[in-house]
Protein backbone atom coordinates (compact mmCIF):
# COMPACT_ATOMS: atom_id res chain seq x y z
CA UNK A 1 0.00 0.00 0.00
CA UNK A 2 1.23 3.43 -0.83
CA UNK A 3 0.47 6.49 1.29
CA UNK A 4 -0.19 9.65 -0.64
CA UNK A 5 -0.05 12.90 1.27
CA UNK A 6 -0.99 15.43 -1.39
CA UNK A 7 -3.22 18.47 -0.91
CA UNK A 8 -4.40 20.24 -4.07
CA UNK A 9 -5.59 23.80 -3.45
CA UNK A 10 -7.42 25.59 -6.24
CA UNK A 11 -6.62 29.18 -5.29
CA UNK A 12 -7.03 32.14 -7.64
CA UNK A 13 -6.94 35.89 -7.31
CA UNK A 14 -10.18 36.72 -5.53
CA UNK A 15 -10.47 39.84 -7.64
CA UNK A 16 -11.60 37.48 -10.40
CA UNK A 17 -12.66 34.23 -8.80
CA UNK A 18 -14.78 34.02 -5.68
CA UNK A 19 -13.92 31.09 -3.46
CA UNK A 20 -14.68 31.58 0.23
CA UNK A 21 -14.20 27.84 0.59
CA UNK A 22 -11.69 26.88 -2.15
CA UNK A 23 -12.07 23.59 -3.93
CA UNK A 24 -9.74 21.30 -2.02
CA UNK A 25 -9.06 17.67 -2.77
CA UNK A 26 -7.09 15.75 -0.16
CA UNK A 27 -5.58 12.59 -1.53
CA UNK A 28 -6.55 9.60 0.59
CA UNK A 29 -4.29 6.78 1.65
CA UNK A 30 -4.19 5.02 -1.71
CA UNK A 31 -3.78 1.38 -2.63
CA UNK A 32 -2.91 2.29 -6.23
CA UNK A 33 -1.49 5.53 -7.65
CA UNK A 34 -1.81 6.57 -11.30
CA UNK A 35 0.61 9.09 -12.82
CA UNK A 36 1.44 9.92 -16.42
CA UNK A 37 5.08 10.63 -15.56
CA UNK A 38 5.73 7.13 -14.27
CA UNK A 39 5.89 8.11 -10.61
CA UNK A 40 2.90 5.92 -9.71
CA UNK A 41 1.97 2.26 -9.98
CA UNK A 42 0.27 2.74 -13.35
CA UNK A 43 0.24 5.36 -16.10
CA UNK A 44 -3.28 4.40 -17.23
CA UNK A 45 -6.41 4.74 -15.11
CA UNK A 46 -8.05 1.76 -16.81
CA UNK A 47 -5.00 -0.36 -16.09
CA UNK A 48 -5.26 0.60 -12.42
CA UNK A 49 -8.96 -0.29 -12.36
CA UNK A 50 -8.12 -3.68 -13.86
CA UNK A 51 -5.54 -4.33 -11.15
CA UNK A 52 -7.72 -3.14 -8.27
CA UNK A 53 -9.45 -5.37 -5.78
CA UNK A 54 -12.84 -4.67 -4.22
CA UNK A 55 -12.58 -1.74 -1.84
CA UNK A 56 -9.30 -0.39 -3.21
CA UNK A 57 -8.62 3.34 -3.38
CA UNK A 58 -7.12 4.56 -6.66
CA UNK A 59 -5.56 8.02 -6.62
CA UNK A 60 -5.01 9.73 -9.98
CA UNK A 61 -2.43 12.49 -10.19
CA UNK A 62 -2.88 15.57 -12.38
CA UNK A 63 -2.77 15.12 -16.14
CA UNK A 64 -4.91 14.56 -19.21
CA UNK A 65 -5.72 10.86 -19.49
CA UNK A 66 -6.89 10.13 -23.02
CA UNK A 67 -8.91 7.00 -22.41
CA UNK A 68 -12.47 5.85 -21.85
CA UNK A 69 -12.94 4.17 -18.48
CA UNK A 70 -15.12 1.24 -17.44
CA UNK A 71 -15.54 -0.09 -13.90
CA UNK A 72 -16.73 -3.67 -14.26
CA UNK A 73 -19.40 -5.52 -12.33
CA UNK A 74 -16.77 -7.28 -10.23
CA UNK A 75 -15.21 -4.00 -9.05
CA UNK A 76 -16.10 -1.77 -6.11
CA UNK A 77 -13.49 0.96 -5.98
CA UNK A 78 -12.94 4.52 -4.85
CA UNK A 79 -11.51 6.57 -7.71
CA UNK A 80 -10.10 9.92 -6.56
CA UNK A 81 -8.57 12.48 -8.91
CA UNK A 82 -6.27 15.40 -8.11
CA UNK A 83 -9.23 17.72 -8.61
CA UNK A 84 -11.57 18.93 -11.36
CA UNK A 85 -9.43 20.75 -13.88
CA UNK A 86 -6.34 18.84 -12.72
CA UNK A 87 -7.16 15.18 -13.38
CA UNK A 88 -8.86 15.06 -16.78
CA UNK A 89 -10.45 12.03 -18.45
CA UNK A 90 -10.81 12.76 -22.18
CA UNK A 91 -12.77 10.02 -23.94
CA UNK A 92 -11.63 11.00 -27.43
CA UNK A 93 -15.12 10.54 -28.91
CA UNK A 94 -15.66 7.07 -27.43
CA UNK A 95 -19.26 6.22 -26.48
CA UNK A 96 -18.90 7.01 -22.75
CA UNK A 97 -16.05 8.57 -20.81
CA UNK A 98 -16.78 6.61 -17.61
CA UNK A 99 -19.05 3.57 -17.36
CA UNK A 100 -20.06 2.34 -13.90
CA UNK A 101 -21.25 -1.22 -14.45
CA UNK A 102 -20.80 -2.48 -10.89
CA UNK A 103 -22.14 -1.18 -7.59
CA UNK A 104 -21.03 1.08 -4.74
CA UNK A 105 -18.23 3.03 -6.41
CA UNK A 106 -17.06 6.47 -5.29
CA UNK A 107 -15.85 8.91 -7.96
CA UNK A 108 -14.37 12.27 -6.99
CA UNK A 109 -12.15 15.04 -8.31
CA UNK A 110 -12.14 14.69 -12.11
CA UNK A 111 -12.95 16.52 -15.30
CA UNK A 112 -14.87 14.08 -17.51
CA UNK A 113 -15.24 15.13 -21.13
CA UNK A 114 -15.13 14.28 -24.80
CA UNK A 115 -17.50 11.30 -25.13
CA UNK A 116 -19.62 10.95 -28.25
CA UNK A 117 -22.61 10.13 -26.04
CA UNK A 118 -22.35 10.14 -22.23
CA UNK A 119 -19.85 11.59 -19.81
CA UNK A 120 -20.80 9.21 -16.98
CA UNK A 121 -22.88 6.13 -17.81
CA UNK A 122 -24.46 4.68 -14.66
CA UNK A 123 -25.49 1.03 -14.93
CA UNK A 124 -25.09 -0.21 -11.36
CA UNK A 125 -26.42 1.02 -8.03
CA UNK A 126 -25.23 2.79 -4.92
CA UNK A 127 -22.62 5.04 -6.55
CA UNK A 128 -21.40 8.42 -5.31
CA UNK A 129 -20.08 11.06 -7.72
CA UNK A 130 -18.64 14.21 -6.09
CA UNK A 131 -16.73 17.29 -7.19
CA UNK A 132 -16.54 16.36 -10.85
CA UNK A 133 -16.68 18.66 -13.88
CA UNK A 134 -18.66 16.90 -16.62
CA UNK A 135 -18.50 18.89 -19.85
CA UNK A 136 -18.57 18.75 -23.62
CA UNK A 137 -20.07 15.31 -24.14
CA UNK A 138 -22.22 14.65 -27.19
CA UNK A 139 -25.44 13.52 -25.55
CA UNK A 140 -25.78 13.53 -21.76
CA UNK A 141 -23.45 14.59 -19.01
CA UNK A 142 -24.66 11.88 -16.63
CA UNK A 143 -26.87 9.09 -17.98
CA UNK A 144 -28.60 6.45 -15.89
CA UNK A 145 -29.26 3.33 -17.95
CA UNK A 146 -32.84 2.76 -19.02
CA UNK A 147 -32.20 -0.85 -20.09
CA UNK A 148 -33.44 -2.82 -17.07
CA UNK A 149 -32.30 -2.80 -13.48
CA UNK A 150 -32.47 0.10 -11.04
CA UNK A 151 -29.28 2.12 -11.46
CA UNK A 152 -28.72 4.70 -8.75
CA UNK A 153 -26.18 7.31 -7.73
CA UNK A 154 -25.89 10.41 -5.60
CA UNK A 155 -24.47 13.29 -7.65
CA UNK A 156 -23.16 16.03 -5.35
CA UNK A 157 -21.14 19.22 -5.85
CA UNK A 158 -20.67 18.60 -9.57
CA UNK A 159 -20.68 21.04 -12.47
CA UNK A 160 -22.38 19.60 -15.55
CA UNK A 161 -22.24 21.94 -18.54
CA UNK A 162 -22.20 22.16 -22.32
CA UNK A 163 -23.46 18.64 -22.97
CA UNK A 164 -25.52 18.18 -26.11
CA UNK A 165 -28.82 16.55 -25.10
CA UNK A 166 -29.14 17.00 -21.33
CA UNK A 167 -27.15 17.52 -18.17
CA UNK A 168 -28.48 14.58 -16.13
CA UNK A 169 -30.92 11.92 -17.35
CA UNK A 170 -32.49 9.57 -14.80
CA UNK A 171 -35.28 7.64 -16.55
CA UNK A 172 -36.64 5.68 -13.59
CA UNK A 173 -36.73 8.34 -10.89
CA UNK A 174 -35.08 5.98 -8.41
CA UNK A 175 -35.56 7.35 -4.86
CA UNK A 176 -32.07 6.10 -4.03
CA UNK A 177 -30.65 8.68 -6.45
CA UNK A 178 -30.09 12.36 -5.80
CA UNK A 179 -28.75 15.46 -7.53
CA UNK A 180 -27.68 18.02 -4.92
CA UNK A 181 -25.46 21.13 -4.71
CA UNK A 182 -24.75 20.94 -8.45
CA UNK A 183 -24.58 23.44 -11.29
CA UNK A 184 -26.38 22.16 -14.40
CA UNK A 185 -25.93 24.81 -17.09
CA UNK A 186 -25.84 25.34 -20.85
CA UNK A 187 -26.94 21.81 -21.75
CA UNK A 188 -29.65 20.84 -24.25
CA UNK A 189 -31.94 20.19 -21.26
CA UNK A 190 -31.32 20.27 -17.52
CA UNK A 191 -32.23 17.37 -15.23
CA UNK A 192 -34.60 14.93 -16.94
CA UNK A 193 -36.58 12.04 -15.44
CA UNK A 194 -39.97 10.40 -15.96
CA UNK A 195 -43.03 9.57 -13.87
CA UNK A 196 -42.66 12.95 -12.14
CA UNK A 197 -39.22 11.79 -11.05
CA UNK A 198 -40.63 9.22 -8.61
CA UNK A 199 -38.86 9.76 -5.30
CA UNK A 200 -35.77 11.26 -6.92
CA UNK A 201 -34.17 13.92 -4.70
CA UNK A 202 -33.32 17.12 -6.58
CA UNK A 203 -32.38 19.85 -4.12
CA UNK A 204 -30.07 22.87 -3.79
CA UNK A 205 -29.01 23.06 -7.45
CA UNK A 206 -28.47 25.86 -9.94
CA UNK A 207 -30.02 24.96 -13.30
CA UNK A 208 -29.59 27.50 -16.09
CA UNK A 209 -29.95 27.84 -19.87
CA UNK A 210 -30.69 24.14 -20.30
CA UNK A 211 -33.93 23.99 -22.29
CA UNK A 212 -36.47 22.41 -19.95
CA UNK A 213 -34.56 23.00 -16.73
CA UNK A 214 -36.28 20.33 -14.63
CA UNK A 215 -38.26 17.99 -16.86
CA UNK A 216 -40.86 15.65 -15.29
CA UNK A 217 -39.35 16.15 -11.85
CA UNK A 218 -40.96 17.15 -8.57
CA UNK A 219 -38.14 19.45 -7.57
CA UNK A 220 -37.79 21.15 -4.23
CA UNK A 221 -38.00 24.92 -3.86
CA UNK A 222 -34.31 25.09 -3.03
CA UNK A 223 -33.27 24.94 -6.70
CA UNK A 224 -32.57 28.18 -8.54
CA UNK A 225 -32.45 29.22 -12.17
CA UNK A 226 -29.71 31.85 -12.30
CA UNK A 227 -26.63 32.38 -14.42
CA UNK A 228 -23.82 30.68 -12.44
CA UNK A 229 -21.36 33.17 -13.94
CA UNK A 230 -18.38 31.05 -14.88
CA UNK A 231 -15.05 32.85 -15.19
CA UNK A 232 -14.53 32.08 -18.89
CA UNK A 233 -16.81 29.33 -20.14
CA UNK A 234 -15.86 29.86 -23.79
CA UNK A 235 -12.27 29.10 -22.84
CA UNK A 236 -13.17 26.08 -20.72
CA UNK A 237 -12.81 27.83 -17.35
CA UNK A 238 -15.82 26.79 -15.28
CA UNK A 239 -14.65 28.28 -12.00
CA UNK A 240 -17.00 30.78 -10.40
CA UNK A 241 -16.69 34.52 -10.86
CA UNK A 242 -16.63 36.46 -7.60
CA UNK A 243 -20.16 37.74 -8.35
CA UNK A 244 -21.59 34.26 -8.92
CA UNK A 245 -24.83 33.50 -7.04
CA UNK A 246 -23.47 29.99 -6.47
CA UNK A 247 -20.70 31.05 -4.08
CA UNK A 248 -21.27 29.86 -0.53
CA UNK A 249 -24.96 29.18 -1.12
CA UNK A 250 -25.05 25.42 -0.66
CA UNK A 251 -26.81 24.20 2.46
CA UNK A 252 -23.49 22.84 3.71
CA UNK A 253 -21.90 26.28 3.33
CA UNK A 254 -19.80 25.36 0.32
CA UNK A 255 -20.13 26.64 -3.23
CA UNK A 256 -22.55 24.98 -5.61
CA UNK A 257 -20.78 22.96 -8.27
CA UNK A 258 -17.32 21.44 -8.18
CA UNK A 259 -15.20 24.56 -7.58
């Protein structure tokens, strides 16, 4: 086992970027370390997933990893990146950037982009996805499979933007799923479900310029439809401007979104 003691602080001049509680990713004690420069156990995230045992923690150092990832049904891992904007998974126009086929995985601290269809494809149940930036995917930012089963995940403190069809699509409205403290902006549609969303929890989000913001969902009154005011969206900078309404407004006192 390798111990990683790395603290990544996303600090910027507060004259431009407002961050009363900066996005901080503390690397856990890791069983497997991934690094492009050869300083880890693997240089490929998928290779590390293949080598992992159930319950392993995989820490991914900063870099652009040009690969599409799949966590198989026999895996139950915690995948932690150096932070959104630092650890980047670029699918290179593959179908999905990250497929979660198993159950009970924890994903945190990545930019996930460049899939022809879905940024994150959820097939299994009990997943947690936190502090991820999911952008520029052809169809959906986060897609819960509609082909049988009851896929579920809790999506928290994520920024999901500039995806073609919708930000988050949850066809079955599973009450074990939730979208909270997220920014869903500039997608074809916002958060989409069916059957009035069933018991799906959708609370404390900013949903903006995404067609039907909350489609077929019984959303709580804590969601807002305001421009999140990214620093430079056209240049791929999705951090929050100091005047953003998303700064410090989450129920837990943090910013909405991943930064």
